[in-house]
Amino acid sequence: MGLPMKWRRLGRIFNPESIPLVEGQCGYAQSPQALVCDGFVRIYFSTRVRDRHGMFVSHVAYVDFDPGLGRIIDHSRGPVIRLGPLGSFDEHGIFPMNVLRVGDEIHAFTTGWSRRRSVAVDAAIGWARSHDGGRTFEKFGEGPILAASLDQPFLVGDAFVARFDDRFHMWYIHGTKWIQASPEQQPDRVYKIAHASSADCIDWKRSSRSLVADRLGADECQALPTVVRLGDRYHMWFCYRHATDFRTNPARGYRIGHASSADMVSWQRDDDEGGLAPSPDGWDSEMLCYPHAFHHAGRLYLLYNGNEFGRFGFGLAVLEQGS
């Protein structure tokens, strides 16, 4: 792999309580995803609001930072993309949304989710594009481009799409099962990271196998992969946790892991060399989750959420040493 990776934390750069981005929002800024623009960096994320029944709904918002990523210069004034109609795969929320420049357009790959009765949610991956520089997005259609299938029968989501060698590559998660720790508890999902590729973003050829070896056992949950190429290797950051008792038990909550590959097929996991550990105290001391790696001004940066799944905003780190 080369030299161990050393991240330097730049601190929390956004607190969702500081700006009223969405009316009635509940102070979350989950899954930050960067779009580097001319003269600024736009960071999309999902916030939470309560609907008329008091249930959480996820909307996408953004904040714009100056080129040095130290000052907010603008922000969205409402939802960036509409939710789906009654009964659709994204009726109750979009979380997360990954963006990619495709020619002169900006495309978005969304994770739409909807509530279910026997288990909490179902999810699938949607596709949209922007005609106004990324301020708002319109869906290509009301249905998903990737959803549960014969080999991946449960929820599908957390798409990250990059273009390498004239082909689109998607890393995403797929549910392997639902488990219930006791009859009194709500079922929890187990999910792993997989890969698909496409020439046109419509027809995706997916691999049915999981890519990243488990560290916590077969029921480890792996979420939100992000992949960049450094030199002759591909590097993936993701978050992982135990399947149960993870919401309030810091020892079982999310951590940020790392894997690398020479061919995008075989991945070597090495969390201790490339990952990021919780801080001794503060907003990211109990949990680290939803990483997003991106290049900007000749450096590699990592956005991430902290305690309580992004309730207190997101932070930033910069790579100082590594492959």
Protein backbone atom coordinates (compact mmCIF):
# COMPACT_ATOMS: atom_id res chain seq x y z
CA MET A 1 0.00 0.00 0.00
CA GLY A 2 2.88 2.39 0.65
CA LEU A 3 3.07 4.87 3.51
CA PRO A 4 0.32 4.80 6.15
CA MET A 5 -2.23 7.54 5.59
CA LYS A 6 -2.21 10.43 8.01
CA TRP A 7 -5.27 12.67 8.18
CA ARG A 8 -5.09 16.09 9.80
CA ARG A 9 -8.40 17.18 11.24
CA LEU A 10 -9.54 20.68 10.34
CA GLY A 11 -12.44 20.59 12.78
CA ARG A 12 -16.18 20.85 12.41
CA ILE A 13 -16.89 23.19 9.51
CA PHE A 14 -20.69 23.19 9.61
CA ASN A 15 -23.23 23.12 12.41
CA PRO A 16 -26.79 22.73 11.02
CA GLU A 17 -28.25 24.74 13.89
CA SER A 18 -26.46 27.84 12.60
CA ILE A 19 -28.51 28.30 9.40
CA PRO A 20 -32.28 27.67 8.88
CA LEU A 21 -31.85 25.73 5.63
CA VAL A 22 -35.21 23.94 5.64
CA GLU A 23 -38.30 25.06 7.52
CA GLY A 24 -38.79 22.87 10.56
CA GLN A 25 -35.43 21.10 10.22
CA CYS A 26 -34.26 19.06 13.20
CA GLY A 27 -30.59 19.91 13.28
CA TYR A 28 -29.02 17.20 11.11
CA ALA A 29 -26.51 17.49 8.26
CA GLN A 30 -25.98 13.89 7.21
CA SER A 31 -23.73 12.47 4.51
CA PRO A 32 -21.88 15.56 3.25
CA GLN A 33 -20.93 15.27 -0.44
CA ALA A 34 -18.74 17.81 -2.23
CA LEU A 35 -19.04 19.40 -5.67
CA VAL A 36 -15.98 21.52 -6.53
CA CYS A 37 -17.10 24.58 -8.49
CA ASP A 38 -15.42 27.65 -9.98
CA GLY A 39 -14.55 29.80 -6.99
CA PHE A 40 -16.34 27.77 -4.29
CA VAL A 41 -17.07 24.27 -3.01
CA ARG A 42 -20.70 23.19 -2.65
CA ILE A 43 -21.45 20.54 -0.03
CA TYR A 44 -24.75 18.69 -0.22
CA PHE A 45 -26.21 16.83 2.74
CA SER A 46 -29.49 15.48 4.07
CA THR A 47 -31.37 17.22 6.83
CA ARG A 48 -34.37 16.03 8.81
CA VAL A 49 -37.81 17.57 9.18
CA ARG A 50 -40.96 16.21 10.74
CA ASP A 51 -44.04 15.63 8.60
CA ARG A 52 -47.65 16.27 9.68
CA HIS A 53 -47.63 12.95 11.51
CA GLY A 54 -44.49 13.82 13.49
CA MET A 55 -42.34 11.37 11.52
CA PHE A 56 -38.88 12.22 10.17
CA VAL A 57 -38.48 13.03 6.48
CA SER A 58 -35.11 13.59 4.78
CA HIS A 59 -34.54 16.55 2.43
CA VAL A 60 -31.37 17.54 0.58
CA ALA A 61 -29.80 20.94 1.22
CA TYR A 62 -26.38 22.50 0.59
CA VAL A 63 -23.91 25.07 1.85
CA ASP A 64 -21.28 26.79 -0.28
CA PHE A 65 -17.78 27.34 1.08
CA ASP A 66 -15.05 29.68 -0.08
CA PRO A 67 -12.10 27.97 -1.86
CA GLY A 68 -10.23 27.63 1.45
CA LEU A 69 -13.17 25.70 2.95
CA GLY A 70 -13.13 27.94 6.00
CA ARG A 71 -16.09 30.26 5.40
CA ILE A 72 -19.71 29.73 4.32
CA ILE A 73 -20.63 32.11 1.51
CA ASP A 74 -24.08 30.86 0.49
CA HIS A 75 -26.66 28.15 1.17
CA SER A 76 -29.81 26.63 -0.26
CA ARG A 77 -33.16 28.22 0.57
CA GLY A 78 -35.29 25.10 0.26
CA PRO A 79 -35.19 21.44 -0.76
CA VAL A 80 -32.75 20.80 -3.60
CA ILE A 81 -34.75 17.88 -5.03
CA ARG A 82 -38.39 16.96 -4.49
CA LEU A 83 -39.44 13.78 -2.78
CA GLY A 84 -41.48 11.17 -4.61
CA PRO A 85 -45.27 10.85 -4.71
CA LEU A 86 -47.40 8.51 -2.61
CA GLY A 87 -46.10 4.96 -2.72
CA SER A 88 -42.82 5.76 -4.50
CA PHE A 89 -39.38 4.52 -3.48
CA ASP A 90 -38.34 8.00 -2.25
CA GLU A 91 -41.64 9.09 -0.72
CA HIS A 92 -40.20 9.71 2.76
CA GLY A 93 -36.71 10.93 2.07
CA ILE A 94 -33.50 11.19 0.08
CA PHE A 95 -30.39 10.28 2.05
CA PRO A 96 -27.72 10.47 0.78
CA MET A 97 -27.25 12.23 -2.60
CA ASN A 98 -23.98 11.84 -4.51
CA VAL A 99 -23.18 14.31 -7.32
CA LEU A 100 -20.98 13.95 -10.40
CA ARG A 101 -20.15 16.19 -13.34
CA VAL A 102 -21.07 14.53 -16.64
CA GLY A 103 -20.08 16.79 -19.52
CA ASP A 104 -21.78 20.15 -18.97
CA GLU A 105 -24.35 18.66 -16.60
CA ILE A 106 -24.38 17.76 -12.93
CA HIS A 107 -25.91 14.38 -12.21
CA ALA A 108 -27.14 13.15 -8.84
CA PHE A 109 -27.42 9.59 -7.61
CA THR A 110 -29.90 9.50 -4.79
CA THR A 111 -30.84 7.02 -2.12
CA GLY A 112 -34.58 7.21 -1.80
CA TRP A 113 -36.26 5.58 1.17
CA SER A 114 -39.79 4.77 2.22
CA ARG A 115 -41.29 3.37 5.39
CA ARG A 116 -42.49 -0.21 5.73
CA ARG A 117 -44.53 -2.03 8.35
CA SER A 118 -42.64 -5.25 9.17
CA VAL A 119 -39.25 -3.47 9.05
CA ALA A 120 -38.39 0.20 9.29
CA VAL A 121 -37.51 1.13 5.71
CA ASP A 122 -36.85 0.08 2.15
CA ALA A 123 -34.42 1.92 -0.16
CA ALA A 124 -33.32 2.13 -3.79
CA ILE A 125 -31.07 4.32 -5.95
CA GLY A 126 -32.47 7.09 -8.14
CA TRP A 127 -31.01 9.38 -10.80
CA ALA A 128 -31.47 13.12 -11.41
CA ARG A 129 -29.72 16.03 -13.07
CA SER A 130 -29.39 19.78 -12.62
CA HIS A 131 -30.01 22.47 -15.21
CA ASP A 132 -29.08 25.41 -12.95
CA GLY A 133 -25.55 24.64 -11.81
CA GLY A 134 -26.51 22.30 -9.00
CA ARG A 135 -29.00 24.50 -7.15
CA THR A 136 -31.91 22.18 -7.93
CA PHE A 137 -32.26 18.74 -9.53
CA GLU A 138 -34.94 17.11 -11.67
CA LYS A 139 -35.43 13.36 -11.70
CA PHE A 140 -35.16 11.36 -14.89
CA GLY A 141 -38.23 9.42 -13.74
CA GLU A 142 -40.20 8.41 -10.67
CA GLY A 143 -38.59 4.97 -10.38
CA PRO A 144 -35.10 3.85 -9.33
CA ILE A 145 -32.18 2.86 -11.55
CA LEU A 146 -30.98 0.23 -9.04
CA ALA A 147 -33.14 -1.61 -6.53
CA ALA A 148 -33.54 -4.98 -4.83
CA SER A 149 -32.99 -7.91 -7.17
CA LEU A 150 -32.82 -11.70 -7.29
CA ASP A 151 -29.29 -11.78 -5.83
CA GLN A 152 -29.68 -8.68 -3.65
CA PRO A 153 -33.20 -9.06 -2.26
CA PHE A 154 -33.22 -6.33 0.37
CA LEU A 155 -32.65 -2.59 0.37
CA VAL A 156 -30.12 -0.98 -1.99
CA GLY A 157 -28.58 2.47 -1.49
CA ASP A 158 -25.61 4.72 -0.65
CA ALA A 159 -24.46 5.06 -4.25
CA PHE A 160 -21.11 6.66 -4.99
CA VAL A 161 -20.39 7.06 -8.71
CA ALA A 162 -17.06 7.90 -10.36
CA ARG A 163 -15.87 7.74 -13.95
CA PHE A 164 -12.69 5.78 -14.58
CA ASP A 165 -11.42 4.84 -18.05
CA ASP A 166 -14.59 6.03 -19.84
CA ARG A 167 -16.91 3.89 -17.75
CA PHE A 168 -19.12 4.76 -14.81
CA HIS A 169 -18.43 2.81 -11.63
CA MET A 170 -20.86 2.68 -8.75
CA TRP A 171 -20.09 1.50 -5.24
CA TYR A 172 -23.21 0.99 -3.18
CA ILE A 173 -24.61 -1.04 -0.31
CA HIS A 174 -27.11 -3.89 -0.39
CA GLY A 175 -28.96 -5.47 2.50
CA THR A 176 -28.13 -9.10 3.21
CA LYS A 177 -30.75 -9.70 5.90
CA TRP A 178 -32.80 -8.22 8.72
CA ILE A 179 -32.15 -9.40 12.26
CA GLN A 180 -34.07 -8.97 15.50
CA ALA A 181 -32.14 -9.06 18.78
CA SER A 182 -35.31 -9.75 20.76
CA PRO A 183 -39.07 -9.89 20.06
CA GLU A 184 -39.50 -6.51 21.76
CA GLN A 185 -36.96 -4.73 19.57
CA GLN A 186 -37.34 -3.36 16.07
CA PRO A 187 -35.48 -5.38 13.41
CA ASP A 188 -32.11 -4.01 12.28
CA ARG A 189 -30.58 -4.43 8.83
CA VAL A 190 -27.23 -5.85 7.79
CA TYR A 191 -25.66 -4.46 4.62
CA LYS A 192 -22.43 -4.82 2.63
CA ILE A 193 -20.59 -2.90 -0.09
CA ALA A 194 -20.92 -3.99 -3.72
CA HIS A 195 -19.95 -2.66 -7.17
CA ALA A 196 -21.69 -2.03 -10.49
CA SER A 197 -20.56 -0.46 -13.76
CA SER A 198 -22.31 1.17 -16.70
CA ALA A 199 -21.63 2.92 -19.99
CA ASP A 200 -24.69 5.19 -19.78
CA CYS A 201 -25.85 5.35 -16.12
CA ILE A 202 -29.05 3.49 -17.06
CA ASP A 203 -28.04 -0.13 -17.52
CA TRP A 204 -25.86 -1.25 -14.63
CA LYS A 205 -23.92 -4.49 -14.55
CA ARG A 206 -23.56 -5.41 -10.90
CA SER A 207 -21.36 -7.83 -9.06
CA SER A 208 -23.32 -9.90 -6.57
CA ARG A 209 -20.40 -10.39 -4.20
CA SER A 210 -19.45 -8.20 -1.24
CA LEU A 211 -16.16 -6.35 -1.71
CA VAL A 212 -14.81 -5.58 1.75
CA ALA A 213 -13.86 -8.19 4.36
CA ASP A 214 -15.65 -8.01 7.71
CA ARG A 215 -13.82 -6.81 10.79
CA LEU A 216 -16.64 -7.24 13.31
CA GLY A 217 -17.98 -10.58 12.11
CA ALA A 218 -20.58 -11.64 9.58
CA ASP A 219 -23.18 -9.17 10.84
CA GLU A 220 -20.95 -6.12 10.40
CA CYS A 221 -22.78 -3.29 8.63
CA GLN A 222 -20.81 -1.35 6.01
CA ALA A 223 -22.13 1.93 4.63
CA LEU A 224 -21.47 4.89 2.32
CA PRO A 225 -18.38 3.94 0.27
CA THR A 226 -16.40 6.69 -1.44
CA VAL A 227 -13.56 5.90 -3.89
CA VAL A 228 -10.67 7.93 -5.31
CA ARG A 229 -7.62 7.02 -7.35
CA LEU A 230 -4.21 7.87 -5.91
CA GLY A 231 -1.31 6.91 -8.13
CA ASP A 232 -1.84 3.37 -9.37
CA ARG A 233 -4.32 2.32 -6.64
CA TYR A 234 -7.93 2.95 -5.80
CA HIS A 235 -8.78 3.88 -2.22
CA MET A 236 -12.13 3.40 -0.55
CA TRP A 237 -13.37 4.97 2.66
CA PHE A 238 -16.57 3.77 4.26
CA CYS A 239 -18.16 3.48 7.69
CA TYR A 240 -18.93 0.31 9.58
CA ARG A 241 -20.66 -0.71 12.82
CA HIS A 242 -22.24 -3.55 14.74
CA ALA A 243 -25.70 -4.59 13.58
CA THR A 244 -27.44 -4.05 16.94
CA ASP A 245 -27.12 -1.75 19.97
CA PHE A 246 -25.31 0.86 17.90
CA ARG A 247 -27.52 3.92 18.36
CA THR A 248 -26.55 4.82 21.92
CA ASN A 249 -23.59 2.50 22.66
CA PRO A 250 -20.40 4.23 21.45
CA ALA A 251 -18.45 0.97 21.49
CA ARG A 252 -20.77 -0.47 18.82
CA GLY A 253 -21.32 2.68 16.75
CA TYR A 254 -19.93 3.73 13.39
CA ARG A 255 -16.22 4.03 12.65
CA ILE A 256 -14.48 4.98 9.40
CA GLY A 257 -12.69 2.17 7.59
CA HIS A 258 -10.41 2.00 4.56
CA ALA A 259 -9.56 -0.45 1.80
CA SER A 260 -7.41 -0.24 -1.33
CA SER A 261 -7.27 -2.03 -4.67
CA ALA A 262 -5.22 -2.16 -7.85
CA ASP A 263 -8.12 -3.23 -10.07
CA MET A 264 -11.41 -2.24 -8.30
CA VAL A 265 -12.13 -5.97 -7.95
CA SER A 266 -9.96 -7.27 -5.10
CA TRP A 267 -9.85 -4.98 -2.05
CA GLN A 268 -7.38 -5.08 0.85
CA ARG A 269 -8.86 -3.75 4.06
CA ASP A 270 -6.54 -1.76 6.33
CA ASP A 271 -8.57 0.44 8.68
CA ASP A 272 -5.67 1.12 11.03
CA GLU A 273 -3.49 2.52 8.24
CA GLY A 274 -6.06 4.51 6.30
CA GLY A 275 -9.02 5.12 8.56
CA LEU A 276 -9.91 7.83 11.03
CA ALA A 277 -10.49 7.34 14.75
CA PRO A 278 -12.90 9.24 17.03
CA SER A 279 -11.65 12.32 18.85
CA PRO A 280 -10.94 12.19 22.60
CA ASP A 281 -13.95 14.44 23.25
CA GLY A 282 -16.44 16.68 21.50
CA TRP A 283 -18.89 16.36 18.63
CA ASP A 284 -17.04 13.43 16.96
CA SER A 285 -15.86 11.52 20.04
CA GLU A 286 -18.47 8.74 20.07
CA MET A 287 -19.10 8.05 16.40
CA LEU A 288 -17.56 8.69 12.97
CA CYS A 289 -19.72 8.03 9.92
CA TYR A 290 -20.66 8.89 6.32
CA PRO A 291 -17.22 9.77 4.88
CA HIS A 292 -16.76 11.47 1.52
CA ALA A 293 -13.31 11.87 -0.08
CA PHE A 294 -12.69 14.49 -2.78
CA HIS A 295 -9.82 16.27 -4.52
CA HIS A 296 -9.60 20.05 -4.30
CA ALA A 297 -6.73 22.44 -5.03
CA GLY A 298 -4.23 19.61 -5.27
CA ARG A 299 -5.15 18.05 -1.91
CA LEU A 300 -7.33 15.14 -0.83
CA TYR A 301 -10.01 16.01 1.72
CA LEU A 302 -12.38 13.88 3.76
CA LEU A 303 -15.79 15.07 4.92
CA TYR A 304 -17.46 13.11 7.69
CA ASN A 305 -20.20 13.15 10.32
CA GLY A 306 -19.78 12.62 14.03
CA ASN A 307 -21.97 11.76 16.99
CA GLU A 308 -25.63 10.80 16.55
CA PHE A 309 -25.38 10.21 12.79
CA GLY A 310 -24.68 13.83 11.83
CA ARG A 311 -27.00 15.60 14.22
CA PHE A 312 -24.24 18.09 15.07
CA GLY A 313 -22.99 18.72 11.55
CA PHE A 314 -19.89 17.64 9.66
CA GLY A 315 -16.16 18.01 9.86
CA LEU A 316 -13.22 18.02 7.46
CA ALA A 317 -9.79 16.39 7.36
CA VAL A 318 -6.94 16.74 4.87
CA LEU A 319 -4.50 14.00 3.85
CA GLU A 320 -0.94 14.87 4.78
CA GLN A 321 0.80 11.55 4.11
CA GLY A 322 0.05 8.33 2.29
CA SER A 323 0.06 6.41 -0.98
